[in-house]
C-alpha atoms as a PDB file:
ATOM      1  CA  MET A   1      79.898-208.187   9.870  1.00  0.00           C
ATOM      2  CA  THR A   2      77.938-209.440   6.846  1.00  0.00           C
ATOM      3  CA  PHE A   3      74.480-210.487   7.990  1.00  0.00           C
ATOM      4  CA  ARG A   4      72.952-213.641   6.598  1.00  0.00           C
ATOM      5  CA  ASN A   5      69.415-212.695   5.628  1.00  0.00           C
ATOM      6  CA  GLY A   6      67.037-212.536   2.708  1.00  0.00           C
ATOM      7  CA  LEU A   7      65.497-215.305   0.635  1.00  0.00           C
ATOM      8  CA  LYS A   8      68.719-216.076  -1.221  1.00  0.00           C
ATOM      9  CA  SER A   9      70.472-216.885   2.062  1.00  0.00           C
ATOM     10  CA  LEU A  10      68.173-219.857   2.699  1.00  0.00           C
ATOM     11  CA  LEU A  11      69.547-223.281   1.828  1.00  0.00           C
ATOM     12  CA  ARG A  12      68.437-224.975  -1.373  1.00  0.00           C
ATOM     13  CA  PRO A  13      68.912-228.683  -2.145  1.00  0.00           C
ATOM     14  CA  GLU A  14      70.101-227.966  -5.681  1.00  0.00           C
ATOM     15  CA  ASP A  15      72.930-225.780  -4.309  1.00  0.00           C
ATOM     16  CA  SER A  16      73.840-227.859  -1.232  1.00  0.00           C
ATOM     17  CA  VAL A  17      76.602-230.379  -0.614  1.00  0.00           C
ATOM     18  CA  LEU A  18      76.901-232.260   2.688  1.00  0.00           C
ATOM     19  CA  VAL A  19      80.108-233.468   4.343  1.00  0.00           C
ATOM     20  CA  LEU A  20      79.755-235.899   7.261  1.00  0.00           C
ATOM     21  CA  ILE A  21      82.964-236.050   9.268  1.00  0.00           C
ATOM     22  CA  ASP A  22      84.199-238.737  11.659  1.00  0.00           C
ATOM     23  CA  HIS A  23      80.977-240.252  12.962  1.00  0.00           C
ATOM     24  CA  GLN A  24      83.094-243.085  14.363  1.00  0.00           C
ATOM     25  CA  PRO A  25      83.187-245.257  17.520  1.00  0.00           C
ATOM     26  CA  TYR A  26      86.285-243.604  19.004  1.00  0.00           C
ATOM     27  CA  GLN A  27      84.733-240.147  18.831  1.00  0.00           C
ATOM     28  CA  LEU A  28      81.374-241.387  20.108  1.00  0.00           C
ATOM     29  CA  ALA A  29      83.055-242.964  23.140  1.00  0.00           C
ATOM     30  CA  ASN A  30      84.021-239.541  24.482  1.00  0.00           C
ATOM     31  CA  LEU A  31      80.949-237.624  23.350  1.00  0.00           C
ATOM     32  CA  ASN A  32      79.669-235.682  26.331  1.00  0.00           C
ATOM     33  CA  SER A  33      77.759-232.737  24.844  1.00  0.00           C
ATOM     34  CA  HIS A  34      74.854-234.862  23.565  1.00  0.00           C
ATOM     35  CA  ASP A  35      73.193-238.147  24.368  1.00  0.00           C
ATOM     36  CA  PRO A  36      75.039-240.644  22.126  1.00  0.00           C
ATOM     37  CA  HIS A  37      71.726-242.138  20.960  1.00  0.00           C
ATOM     38  CA  MET A  38      70.589-238.707  19.781  1.00  0.00           C
ATOM     39  CA  ALA A  39      73.904-238.043  18.039  1.00  0.00           C
ATOM     40  CA  VAL A  40      73.559-241.245  16.018  1.00  0.00           C
ATOM     41  CA  ASN A  41      69.864-240.611  15.363  1.00  0.00           C
ATOM     42  CA  ASN A  42      70.393-237.045  14.189  1.00  0.00           C
ATOM     43  CA  ALA A  43      73.382-237.815  11.979  1.00  0.00           C
ATOM     44  CA  THR A  44      71.411-240.653  10.377  1.00  0.00           C
ATOM     45  CA  ALA A  45      68.398-238.399   9.863  1.00  0.00           C
ATOM     46  CA  LEU A  46      70.637-235.793   8.234  1.00  0.00           C
ATOM     47  CA  ALA A  47      72.081-238.397   5.878  1.00  0.00           C
ATOM     48  CA  LYS A  48      68.605-239.656   4.950  1.00  0.00           C
ATOM     49  CA  ALA A  49      67.328-236.120   4.398  1.00  0.00           C
ATOM     50  CA  ALA A  50      70.236-235.389   2.076  1.00  0.00           C
ATOM     51  CA  LYS A  51      69.475-238.514   0.084  1.00  0.00           C
ATOM     52  CA  ALA A  52      65.771-237.648  -0.071  1.00  0.00           C
ATOM     53  CA  PHE A  53      66.556-234.253  -1.563  1.00  0.00           C
ATOM     54  CA  GLY A  54      69.295-235.468  -3.888  1.00  0.00           C
ATOM     55  CA  VAL A  55      72.018-233.577  -2.039  1.00  0.00           C
ATOM     56  CA  PRO A  56      75.508-234.982  -2.757  1.00  0.00           C
ATOM     57  CA  THR A  57      77.021-236.338   0.454  1.00  0.00           C
ATOM     58  CA  ILE A  58      80.695-236.954   1.153  1.00  0.00           C
ATOM     59  CA  LEU A  59      81.503-239.424   3.939  1.00  0.00           C
ATOM     60  CA  THR A  60      84.900-239.167   5.571  1.00  0.00           C
ATOM     61  CA  SER A  61      86.651-240.791   8.517  1.00  0.00           C
ATOM     62  CA  VAL A  62      90.024-240.341  10.175  1.00  0.00           C
ATOM     63  CA  ILE A  63      92.312-243.387  10.510  1.00  0.00           C
ATOM     64  CA  ALA A  64      89.371-245.783  10.516  1.00  0.00           C
ATOM     65  CA  GLU A  65      91.693-248.740  11.146  1.00  0.00           C
ATOM     66  CA  ARG A  66      92.121-247.494  14.710  1.00  0.00           C
ATOM     67  CA  GLY A  67      89.150-245.199  15.267  1.00  0.00           C
ATOM     68  CA  GLY A  68      86.529-247.491  13.806  1.00  0.00           C
ATOM     69  CA  LEU A  69      84.277-247.398  10.790  1.00  0.00           C
ATOM     70  CA  ILE A  70      81.607-244.750  10.289  1.00  0.00           C
ATOM     71  CA  PHE A  71      78.344-245.787  11.957  1.00  0.00           C
ATOM     72  CA  PRO A  72      76.533-248.315   9.762  1.00  0.00           C
ATOM     73  CA  GLN A  73      73.316-246.337  10.234  1.00  0.00           C
ATOM     74  CA  ILE A  74      74.960-243.686   8.039  1.00  0.00           C
ATOM     75  CA  THR A  75      76.838-245.838   5.542  1.00  0.00           C
ATOM     76  CA  ASN A  76      73.715-247.955   4.976  1.00  0.00           C
ATOM     77  CA  VAL A  77      72.055-244.830   3.563  1.00  0.00           C
ATOM     78  CA  PHE A  78      74.740-244.756   0.852  1.00  0.00           C
ATOM     79  CA  PRO A  79      75.589-248.460   0.406  1.00  0.00           C
ATOM     80  CA  ASP A  80      77.602-248.055  -2.782  1.00  0.00           C
ATOM     81  CA  GLN A  81      79.613-245.035  -1.692  1.00  0.00           C
ATOM     82  CA  ALA A  82      83.252-245.210  -0.636  1.00  0.00           C
ATOM     83  CA  VAL A  83      84.299-243.456   2.560  1.00  0.00           C
ATOM     84  CA  ILE A  84      87.279-241.128   2.259  1.00  0.00           C
ATOM     85  CA  ASP A  85      89.667-242.091   5.056  1.00  0.00           C
ATOM     86  CA  ARG A  86      92.120-239.377   6.102  1.00  0.00           C
ATOM     87  CA  THR A  87      95.200-238.808   8.184  1.00  0.00           C
ATOM     88  CA  PHE A  88      94.547-235.063   8.382  1.00  0.00           C
ATOM     89  CA  ILE A  89      92.609-234.036  11.481  1.00  0.00           C
ATOM     90  CA  ASN A  90      91.430-231.017   9.507  1.00  0.00           C
ATOM     91  CA  THR A  91      89.264-232.454   6.736  1.00  0.00           C
ATOM     92  CA  TRP A  92      89.700-229.356   4.573  1.00  0.00           C
ATOM     93  CA  GLU A  93      93.436-229.995   4.306  1.00  0.00           C
ATOM     94  CA  ASP A  94      92.762-233.308   2.574  1.00  0.00           C
ATOM     95  CA  PRO A  95      92.624-232.671  -1.192  1.00  0.00           C
ATOM     96  CA  LYS A  96      90.542-235.808  -1.790  1.00  0.00           C
ATOM     97  CA  VAL A  97      87.678-234.402   0.259  1.00  0.00           C
ATOM     98  CA  VAL A  98      87.953-230.885  -1.119  1.00  0.00           C
ATOM     99  CA  ASP A  99      88.126-232.172  -4.688  1.00  0.00           C
ATOM    100  CA  ALA A 100      85.039-234.318  -4.097  1.00  0.00           C
ATOM    101  CA  VAL A 101      83.146-231.274  -2.813  1.00  0.00           C
ATOM    102  CA  LYS A 102      84.277-229.065  -5.687  1.00  0.00           C
ATOM    103  CA  ALA A 103      83.315-231.745  -8.215  1.00  0.00           C
ATOM    104  CA  THR A 104      79.663-231.356  -7.198  1.00  0.00           C
ATOM    105  CA  GLY A 105      79.633-227.745  -8.347  1.00  0.00           C
ATOM    106  CA  ARG A 106      77.610-226.812  -5.258  1.00  0.00           C
ATOM    107  CA  LYS A 107      78.308-223.646  -3.255  1.00  0.00           C
ATOM    108  CA  GLN A 108      76.355-224.179  -0.019  1.00  0.00           C
ATOM    109  CA  LEU A 109      78.634-226.354   2.100  1.00  0.00           C
ATOM    110  CA  ILE A 110      76.952-228.177   4.997  1.00  0.00           C
ATOM    111  CA  ILE A 111      79.061-229.891   7.640  1.00  0.00           C
ATOM    112  CA  ALA A 112      78.393-232.125  10.653  1.00  0.00           C
ATOM    113  CA  GLY A 113      80.777-234.309  12.589  1.00  0.00           C
ATOM    114  CA  LEU A 114      82.458-235.459  15.772  1.00  0.00           C
ATOM    115  CA  TRP A 115      83.983-233.656  17.572  1.00  0.00           C
ATOM    116  CA  THR A 116      82.603-230.139  17.082  1.00  0.00           C
ATOM    117  CA  GLU A 117      85.615-228.396  18.582  1.00  0.00           C
ATOM    118  CA  VAL A 118      88.142-230.267  16.441  1.00  0.00           C
ATOM    119  CA  CYS A 119      86.950-232.045  13.325  1.00  0.00           C
ATOM    120  CA  VAL A 120      84.115-229.636  12.608  1.00  0.00           C
ATOM    121  CA  ALA A 121      85.617-226.305  13.634  1.00  0.00           C
ATOM    122  CA  MET A 122      88.856-226.572  11.675  1.00  0.00           C
ATOM    123  CA  PRO A 123      87.400-227.308   8.223  1.00  0.00           C
ATOM    124  CA  VAL A 124      84.566-224.838   8.765  1.00  0.00           C
ATOM    125  CA  ILE A 125      86.912-221.989   9.628  1.00  0.00           C
ATOM    126  CA  GLN A 126      89.259-222.788   6.747  1.00  0.00           C
ATOM    127  CA  ALA A 127      86.432-223.133   4.199  1.00  0.00           C
ATOM    128  CA  LEU A 128      84.911-219.851   5.337  1.00  0.00           C
ATOM    129  CA  GLY A 129      88.250-218.165   4.747  1.00  0.00           C
ATOM    130  CA  GLU A 130      88.232-219.550   1.211  1.00  0.00           C
ATOM    131  CA  GLY A 131      84.845-218.021   0.462  1.00  0.00           C
ATOM    132  CA  TRP A 132      82.485-220.958   0.981  1.00  0.00           C
ATOM    133  CA  ASP A 133      78.956-220.490   2.335  1.00  0.00           C
ATOM    134  CA  VAL A 134      79.167-222.841   5.335  1.00  0.00           C
ATOM    135  CA  THR A 135      76.414-224.223   7.555  1.00  0.00           C
ATOM    136  CA  VAL A 136      77.030-226.449  10.587  1.00  0.00           C
ATOM    137  CA  ILE A 137      74.359-228.902  11.709  1.00  0.00           C
ATOM    138  CA  THR A 138      74.829-228.665  15.441  1.00  0.00           C
ATOM    139  CA  ASP A 139      72.646-231.548  16.621  1.00  0.00           C
ATOM    140  CA  ALA A 140      74.304-234.013  14.216  1.00  0.00           C
ATOM    141  CA  SER A 141      77.638-232.948  15.704  1.00  0.00           C
ATOM    142  CA  GLY A 142      78.952-233.132  19.248  1.00  0.00           C
ATOM    143  CA  GLY A 143      81.940-232.429  21.438  1.00  0.00           C
ATOM    144  CA  THR A 144      83.881-233.854  24.349  1.00  0.00           C
ATOM    145  CA  SER A 145      81.941-231.598  26.719  1.00  0.00           C
ATOM    146  CA  VAL A 146      79.037-229.167  26.607  1.00  0.00           C
ATOM    147  CA  GLU A 147      81.548-226.349  26.982  1.00  0.00           C
ATOM    148  CA  ALA A 148      83.710-227.627  24.125  1.00  0.00           C
ATOM    149  CA  HIS A 149      80.696-227.895  21.806  1.00  0.00           C
ATOM    150  CA  GLU A 150      79.283-224.490  22.699  1.00  0.00           C
ATOM    151  CA  VAL A 151      82.608-222.625  22.595  1.00  0.00           C
ATOM    152  CA  SER A 152      83.378-224.036  19.172  1.00  0.00           C
ATOM    153  CA  ILE A 153      79.944-222.971  17.914  1.00  0.00           C
ATOM    154  CA  HIS A 154      80.627-219.415  19.098  1.00  0.00           C
ATOM    155  CA  ARG A 155      84.015-219.557  17.424  1.00  0.00           C
ATOM    156  CA  MET A 156      82.529-220.671  14.096  1.00  0.00           C
ATOM    157  CA  ILE A 157      79.765-218.060  14.246  1.00  0.00           C
ATOM    158  CA  ALA A 158      82.418-215.398  14.780  1.00  0.00           C
ATOM    159  CA  ALA A 159      84.161-216.706  11.668  1.00  0.00           C
ATOM    160  CA  GLY A 160      80.928-216.356   9.657  1.00  0.00           C
ATOM    161  CA  ALA A 161      79.323-219.811   9.803  1.00  0.00           C
ATOM    162  CA  ASN A 162      75.581-220.460   9.806  1.00  0.00           C
ATOM    163  CA  MET A 163      74.135-222.795  12.482  1.00  0.00           C
ATOM    164  CA  MET A 164      71.130-225.100  12.065  1.00  0.00           C
ATOM    165  CA  THR A 165      69.644-228.366  13.306  1.00  0.00           C
ATOM    166  CA  TRP A 166      68.886-231.290  11.002  1.00  0.00           C
ATOM    167  CA  LEU A 167      65.106-230.836  11.027  1.00  0.00           C
ATOM    168  CA  ALA A 168      65.384-227.101  10.349  1.00  0.00           C
ATOM    169  CA  LEU A 169      67.645-227.894   7.403  1.00  0.00           C
ATOM    170  CA  ALA A 170      65.237-230.502   6.006  1.00  0.00           C
ATOM    171  CA  ALA A 171      62.341-228.043   6.315  1.00  0.00           C
ATOM    172  CA  GLU A 172      64.369-225.370   4.535  1.00  0.00           C
ATOM    173  CA  TRP A 173      65.201-227.776   1.722  1.00  0.00           C
ATOM    174  CA  GLN A 174      61.504-228.714   1.418  1.00  0.00           C
ATOM    175  CA  ARG A 175      60.347-225.081   1.693  1.00  0.00           C
ATOM    176  CA  ASP A 176      56.971-225.739   0.093  1.00  0.00           C
ATOM    177  CA  TRP A 177      54.690-228.719   0.724  1.00  0.00           C
ATOM    178  CA  ALA A 178      53.563-228.382  -2.893  1.00  0.00           C
ATOM    179  CA  ARG A 179      56.952-229.868  -3.862  1.00  0.00           C
ATOM    180  CA  SER A 180      55.306-233.261  -3.874  1.00  0.00           C
ATOM    181  CA  GLU A 181      58.299-235.148  -5.272  1.00  0.00           C
ATOM    182  CA  THR A 182      60.069-235.009  -1.885  1.00  0.00           C
ATOM    183  CA  VAL A 183      57.124-234.994   0.535  1.00  0.00           C
ATOM    184  CA  THR A 184      56.905-238.773   0.912  1.00  0.00           C
ATOM    185  CA  ALA A 185      60.623-239.236   1.542  1.00  0.00           C
ATOM    186  CA  MET A 186      60.689-236.264   3.924  1.00  0.00           C
ATOM    187  CA  THR A 187      57.738-237.721   5.842  1.00  0.00           C
ATOM    188  CA  GLU A 188      59.492-241.086   6.171  1.00  0.00           C
ATOM    189  CA  VAL A 189      62.578-239.424   7.663  1.00  0.00           C
ATOM    190  CA  MET A 190      60.434-237.529  10.166  1.00  0.00           C
ATOM    191  CA  LYS A 191      58.502-240.681  11.110  1.00  0.00           C
ATOM    192  CA  ASP A 192      61.710-242.537  11.880  1.00  0.00           C
ATOM    193  CA  HIS A 193      63.836-239.796  13.435  1.00  0.00           C
ATOM    194  CA  SER A 194      61.889-236.784  14.714  1.00  0.00           C
ATOM    195  CA  ALA A 195      60.369-238.496  17.753  1.00  0.00           C
ATOM    196  CA  GLY A 196      57.307-236.533  18.885  1.00  0.00           C
ATOM    197  CA  SER A 197      56.562-235.055  15.471  1.00  0.00           C
ATOM    198  CA  GLY A 198      56.873-238.447  13.819  1.00  0.00           C
ATOM    199  CA  ILE A 199      54.642-240.163  16.369  1.00  0.00           C
ATOM    200  CA  ALA A 200      52.102-237.327  16.126  1.00  0.00           C
ATOM    201  CA  TYR A 201      51.966-237.829  12.363  1.00  0.00           C
ATOM    202  CA  LEU A 202      51.326-241.559  12.786  1.00  0.00           C
ATOM    203  CA  TRP A 203      48.629-240.800  15.357  1.00  0.00           C
ATOM    204  CA  GLU A 204      47.022-238.326  12.962  1.00  0.00           C
ATOM    205  CA  GLN A 205      46.956-240.989  10.254  1.00  0.00           C
ATOM    206  CA  GLN A 206      45.412-243.450  12.708  1.00  0.00           C
ATOM    207  CA  LEU A 207      42.661-240.991  13.645  1.00  0.00           C
ATOM    208  CA  LEU A 208      41.936-240.158  10.026  1.00  0.00           C
ATOM    209  CA  ASN A 209      41.482-243.848   9.315  1.00  0.00           C
ATOM    210  CA  THR A 210      39.360-244.596  12.375  1.00  0.00           C
ATOM    211  CA  PRO A 211      35.668-244.969  11.507  1.00  0.00           C
ATOM    212  CA  VAL A 212      33.333-242.571  13.270  1.00  0.00           C
ATOM    213  CA  PRO A 213      31.155-244.556  15.722  1.00  0.00           C
ATOM    214  CA  ALA A 214      27.561-244.946  14.627  1.00  0.00           C
ATOM    215  CA  THR A 215      25.167-242.620  16.446  1.00  0.00           C
ATOM    216  CA  ALA A 216      22.757-244.531  18.676  1.00  0.00           C
ATOM    217  CA  ARG A 217      19.100-244.007  17.812  1.00  0.00           C
END
């Protein structure tokens, strides 16, 4: 086994490309590994983080005419971007998607989608076999059951994939708070999508802007 470690193994926005797969109504209707609200929230946060860091993002659906359009919370992040609609269940067998990824010139492939055991696992395993450095964002993905999600994660790890959550990925892209050009956008994503951390930040700002009561004499 080749271990993923060392500074060079960490994800960098300038080397990353994100593929969001099948975040559609049909798949969400039978999502049982995650709360559907969290699945939408996390996928949206991932999309916004990618935009904040200038990471090229490919949006793809499968037979949208029947399965429904990608959640508007995601497509609204990229209002001028066309969605690649497929017939292939395995995204990595569709040359339009693969060509779009290759055109970015990026080598760190990041994938999230519904369902984990089908539409995420197949392209991940194929791309790994073709030499790509692949990371799966587990909390912006989800399966038809907890077992299906977890088994597919084990399967992808065995094939060599890296696993992360959306906030861990965003933090890894940021890496240094001195990178001021992305701090504001990163903070906005956290405020809107990271629940407790976002609310704590707003509370901190409130306290910092609250005048200290005058001391009675």
